[in-house]
Amino acid sequence: MNITELIKFDKLKEENELLKNEITELKQQILYKEDFYFQLFCINCEKVDECILSNCSKNTLRKNYVLSDSSKYDKLPSKED
């Protein structure tokens, strides 16, 4: 291997390391289905998973998906970035 090839090889290794670090950082920002839990929310009485008012119907229940660990949310990039 001559000096030019060696320089190119070293540069490629350095670039590869930078890309590996970037991939690791991006993997930490991924949210999975398991990161959320499901709950029902009544829009009339504002109770979670049950209604306390007798006039509430199934039409007033809304599905909520709540993030289990909010620290994962803090790692997500914003649209401005």
N, C-alpha and C. Protein backbone atom coordinates (compact mmCIF):
# COMPACT_ATOMS: atom_id res chain seq x y z
N MET A 1 0.84 -1.17 0.00
CA MET A 1 0.00 0.00 0.00
C MET A 1 0.89 1.24 0.00
N ASN A 2 0.68 2.10 -0.98
CA ASN A 2 1.50 3.31 -1.03
C ASN A 2 0.91 4.40 -0.13
N ILE A 3 1.59 5.52 -0.07
CA ILE A 3 1.21 6.58 0.86
C ILE A 3 -0.16 7.18 0.52
N THR A 4 -0.47 7.30 -0.77
CA THR A 4 -1.76 7.86 -1.20
C THR A 4 -2.90 6.94 -0.77
N GLU A 5 -2.72 5.66 -0.97
CA GLU A 5 -3.75 4.70 -0.57
C GLU A 5 -3.92 4.68 0.95
N LEU A 6 -2.83 4.82 1.64
CA LEU A 6 -2.87 4.84 3.10
C LEU A 6 -3.64 6.07 3.61
N ILE A 7 -3.40 7.21 3.00
CA ILE A 7 -4.12 8.43 3.38
C ILE A 7 -5.61 8.28 3.11
N LYS A 8 -5.95 7.74 1.93
CA LYS A 8 -7.35 7.52 1.59
C LYS A 8 -8.01 6.54 2.56
N PHE A 9 -7.28 5.50 2.90
CA PHE A 9 -7.80 4.50 3.83
C PHE A 9 -8.07 5.11 5.20
N ASP A 10 -7.12 5.90 5.69
CA ASP A 10 -7.29 6.54 7.00
C ASP A 10 -8.47 7.52 6.99
N LYS A 11 -8.61 8.22 5.89
CA LYS A 11 -9.72 9.16 5.77
C LYS A 11 -11.06 8.42 5.76
N LEU A 12 -11.11 7.30 5.06
CA LEU A 12 -12.33 6.49 5.03
C LEU A 12 -12.65 5.91 6.40
N LYS A 13 -11.64 5.50 7.13
CA LYS A 13 -11.86 4.98 8.48
C LYS A 13 -12.43 6.05 9.39
N GLU A 14 -11.90 7.24 9.27
CA GLU A 14 -12.37 8.36 10.08
C GLU A 14 -13.83 8.70 9.74
N GLU A 15 -14.14 8.73 8.46
CA GLU A 15 -15.50 9.00 8.02
C GLU A 15 -16.46 7.90 8.49
N ASN A 16 -15.99 6.68 8.44
CA ASN A 16 -16.79 5.55 8.90
C ASN A 16 -17.12 5.67 10.40
N GLU A 17 -16.17 6.08 11.18
CA GLU A 17 -16.39 6.27 12.62
C GLU A 17 -17.41 7.37 12.88
N LEU A 18 -17.32 8.45 12.12
CA LEU A 18 -18.28 9.54 12.27
C LEU A 18 -19.69 9.07 11.93
N LEU A 19 -19.81 8.28 10.88
CA LEU A 19 -21.11 7.76 10.48
C LEU A 19 -21.67 6.78 11.51
N LYS A 20 -20.81 5.97 12.09
CA LYS A 20 -21.25 5.05 13.15
C LYS A 20 -21.79 5.82 14.35
N ASN A 21 -21.11 6.90 14.71
CA ASN A 21 -21.57 7.73 15.83
C ASN A 21 -22.91 8.38 15.52
N GLU A 22 -23.07 8.82 14.28
CA GLU A 22 -24.33 9.44 13.88
C GLU A 22 -25.47 8.43 13.91
N ILE A 23 -25.20 7.21 13.46
CA ILE A 23 -26.22 6.15 13.50
C ILE A 23 -26.62 5.85 14.93
N THR A 24 -25.67 5.78 15.82
CA THR A 24 -25.95 5.52 17.23
C THR A 24 -26.84 6.61 17.81
N GLU A 25 -26.54 7.85 17.47
CA GLU A 25 -27.34 8.97 17.95
C GLU A 25 -28.77 8.92 17.39
N LEU A 26 -28.90 8.58 16.12
CA LEU A 26 -30.23 8.49 15.50
C LEU A 26 -31.05 7.34 16.06
N LYS A 27 -30.40 6.24 16.39
CA LYS A 27 -31.12 5.10 16.97
C LYS A 27 -31.72 5.46 18.33
N GLN A 28 -31.09 6.36 19.04
CA GLN A 28 -31.61 6.78 20.35
C GLN A 28 -32.86 7.63 20.21
N GLN A 29 -33.09 8.18 19.02
CA GLN A 29 -34.24 9.05 18.80
C GLN A 29 -35.46 8.30 18.28
N ILE A 30 -35.33 7.02 18.04
CA ILE A 30 -36.44 6.23 17.49
C ILE A 30 -37.42 5.88 18.61
N LEU A 31 -38.68 6.09 18.32
CA LEU A 31 -39.73 5.66 19.24
C LEU A 31 -40.41 4.43 18.67
N TYR A 32 -40.69 3.48 19.54
CA TYR A 32 -41.34 2.25 19.12
C TYR A 32 -42.74 2.17 19.71
N LYS A 33 -43.53 1.29 19.17
CA LYS A 33 -44.89 1.09 19.64
C LYS A 33 -44.89 0.75 21.14
N GLU A 34 -43.91 0.03 21.59
CA GLU A 34 -43.83 -0.38 22.99
C GLU A 34 -43.51 0.79 23.93
N ASP A 35 -43.09 1.91 23.38
CA ASP A 35 -42.78 3.08 24.20
C ASP A 35 -44.04 3.83 24.64
N PHE A 36 -45.19 3.41 24.14
CA PHE A 36 -46.45 4.07 24.47
C PHE A 36 -47.38 3.09 25.16
N TYR A 37 -48.26 3.62 25.98
CA TYR A 37 -49.34 2.80 26.51
C TYR A 37 -50.67 3.44 26.14
N PHE A 38 -51.66 2.62 26.05
CA PHE A 38 -52.98 3.02 25.59
C PHE A 38 -53.90 3.28 26.77
N GLN A 39 -54.71 4.33 26.66
CA GLN A 39 -55.73 4.57 27.67
C GLN A 39 -56.95 5.22 27.01
N LEU A 40 -58.08 5.00 27.61
CA LEU A 40 -59.31 5.66 27.16
C LEU A 40 -59.53 6.90 28.01
N PHE A 41 -60.05 7.93 27.37
CA PHE A 41 -60.26 9.20 28.05
C PHE A 41 -61.65 9.71 27.71
N CYS A 42 -62.45 9.99 28.71
CA CYS A 42 -63.81 10.51 28.49
C CYS A 42 -63.73 12.03 28.35
N ILE A 43 -64.25 12.54 27.25
CA ILE A 43 -64.16 13.99 27.03
C ILE A 43 -65.20 14.76 27.84
N ASN A 44 -66.22 14.09 28.36
CA ASN A 44 -67.23 14.76 29.19
C ASN A 44 -66.78 14.89 30.64
N CYS A 45 -66.45 13.79 31.24
CA CYS A 45 -66.11 13.82 32.67
C CYS A 45 -64.60 13.85 32.92
N GLU A 46 -63.81 13.73 31.86
CA GLU A 46 -62.34 13.80 31.94
C GLU A 46 -61.72 12.73 32.82
N LYS A 47 -62.38 11.60 32.89
CA LYS A 47 -61.83 10.46 33.63
C LYS A 47 -61.08 9.55 32.68
N VAL A 48 -60.07 8.92 33.20
CA VAL A 48 -59.28 7.99 32.40
C VAL A 48 -59.80 6.58 32.62
N ASP A 49 -60.02 5.86 31.55
CA ASP A 49 -60.43 4.45 31.53
C ASP A 49 -61.85 4.17 32.03
N GLU A 50 -62.57 5.17 32.53
CA GLU A 50 -63.94 4.94 32.96
C GLU A 50 -64.68 6.27 32.99
N CYS A 51 -65.98 6.20 32.91
CA CYS A 51 -66.82 7.40 33.00
C CYS A 51 -67.53 7.41 34.34
N ILE A 52 -67.59 8.57 34.95
CA ILE A 52 -68.31 8.67 36.22
C ILE A 52 -69.72 9.21 36.02
N LEU A 53 -69.99 9.72 34.84
CA LEU A 53 -71.33 10.24 34.55
C LEU A 53 -72.15 9.18 33.86
N SER A 54 -73.39 9.06 34.25
CA SER A 54 -74.23 8.03 33.64
C SER A 54 -74.64 8.38 32.22
N ASN A 55 -74.62 9.67 31.88
CA ASN A 55 -75.02 10.06 30.53
C ASN A 55 -73.88 9.99 29.51
N CYS A 56 -72.71 9.60 29.94
CA CYS A 56 -71.59 9.43 29.00
C CYS A 56 -71.85 8.19 28.15
N SER A 57 -71.42 8.25 26.94
CA SER A 57 -71.59 7.10 26.06
C SER A 57 -70.24 6.72 25.47
N LYS A 58 -70.26 5.68 24.71
CA LYS A 58 -69.01 5.26 24.07
C LYS A 58 -68.51 6.30 23.08
N ASN A 59 -69.40 7.15 22.61
CA ASN A 59 -69.01 8.20 21.67
C ASN A 59 -68.16 9.28 22.33
N THR A 60 -68.19 9.36 23.65
CA THR A 60 -67.40 10.37 24.35
C THR A 60 -66.03 9.86 24.75
N LEU A 61 -65.78 8.58 24.54
CA LEU A 61 -64.47 8.01 24.88
C LEU A 61 -63.50 8.23 23.72
N ARG A 62 -62.32 8.68 24.04
CA ARG A 62 -61.28 8.90 23.04
C ARG A 62 -60.06 8.07 23.40
N LYS A 63 -59.37 7.63 22.38
CA LYS A 63 -58.14 6.85 22.60
C LYS A 63 -56.97 7.81 22.82
N ASN A 64 -56.21 7.52 23.81
CA ASN A 64 -54.98 8.27 24.08
C ASN A 64 -53.81 7.31 24.04
N TYR A 65 -52.75 7.73 23.39
CA TYR A 65 -51.50 6.98 23.44
C TYR A 65 -50.51 7.86 24.19
N VAL A 66 -50.06 7.37 25.31
CA VAL A 66 -49.22 8.15 26.20
C VAL A 66 -47.81 7.59 26.18
N LEU A 67 -46.85 8.47 26.08
CA LEU A 67 -45.44 8.07 26.09
C LEU A 67 -45.06 7.60 27.49
N SER A 68 -44.55 6.38 27.59
CA SER A 68 -44.23 5.79 28.89
C SER A 68 -43.07 6.49 29.58
N ASP A 69 -42.05 6.80 28.83
CA ASP A 69 -40.84 7.41 29.40
C ASP A 69 -40.62 8.75 28.72
N SER A 70 -40.90 9.83 29.41
CA SER A 70 -40.81 11.16 28.79
C SER A 70 -39.38 11.58 28.49
N SER A 71 -38.39 10.93 29.06
CA SER A 71 -37.00 11.29 28.74
C SER A 71 -36.68 10.99 27.28
N LYS A 72 -37.38 10.02 26.68
CA LYS A 72 -37.18 9.74 25.26
C LYS A 72 -37.68 10.89 24.40
N TYR A 73 -38.72 11.54 24.85
CA TYR A 73 -39.28 12.67 24.11
C TYR A 73 -38.28 13.83 24.06
N ASP A 74 -37.56 14.04 25.14
CA ASP A 74 -36.59 15.14 25.21
C ASP A 74 -35.45 14.97 24.22
N LYS A 75 -35.19 13.75 23.80
CA LYS A 75 -34.09 13.49 22.87
C LYS A 75 -34.48 13.68 21.41
N LEU A 76 -35.77 13.84 21.15
CA LEU A 76 -36.23 13.98 19.77
C LEU A 76 -35.87 15.36 19.22
N PRO A 77 -35.49 15.42 17.95
CA PRO A 77 -35.16 16.72 17.36
C PRO A 77 -36.42 17.53 17.09
N SER A 78 -36.29 18.82 17.08
CA SER A 78 -37.43 19.67 16.74
C SER A 78 -37.41 19.97 15.24
N LYS A 79 -38.48 20.53 14.73
CA LYS A 79 -38.57 20.82 13.29
C LYS A 79 -37.58 21.90 12.87
N GLU A 80 -37.21 22.77 13.78
CA GLU A 80 -36.27 23.86 13.46
C GLU A 80 -34.85 23.36 13.23
N ASP A 81 -34.53 22.21 13.81
CA ASP A 81 -33.14 21.69 13.69
C ASP A 81 -32.82 21.26 12.28
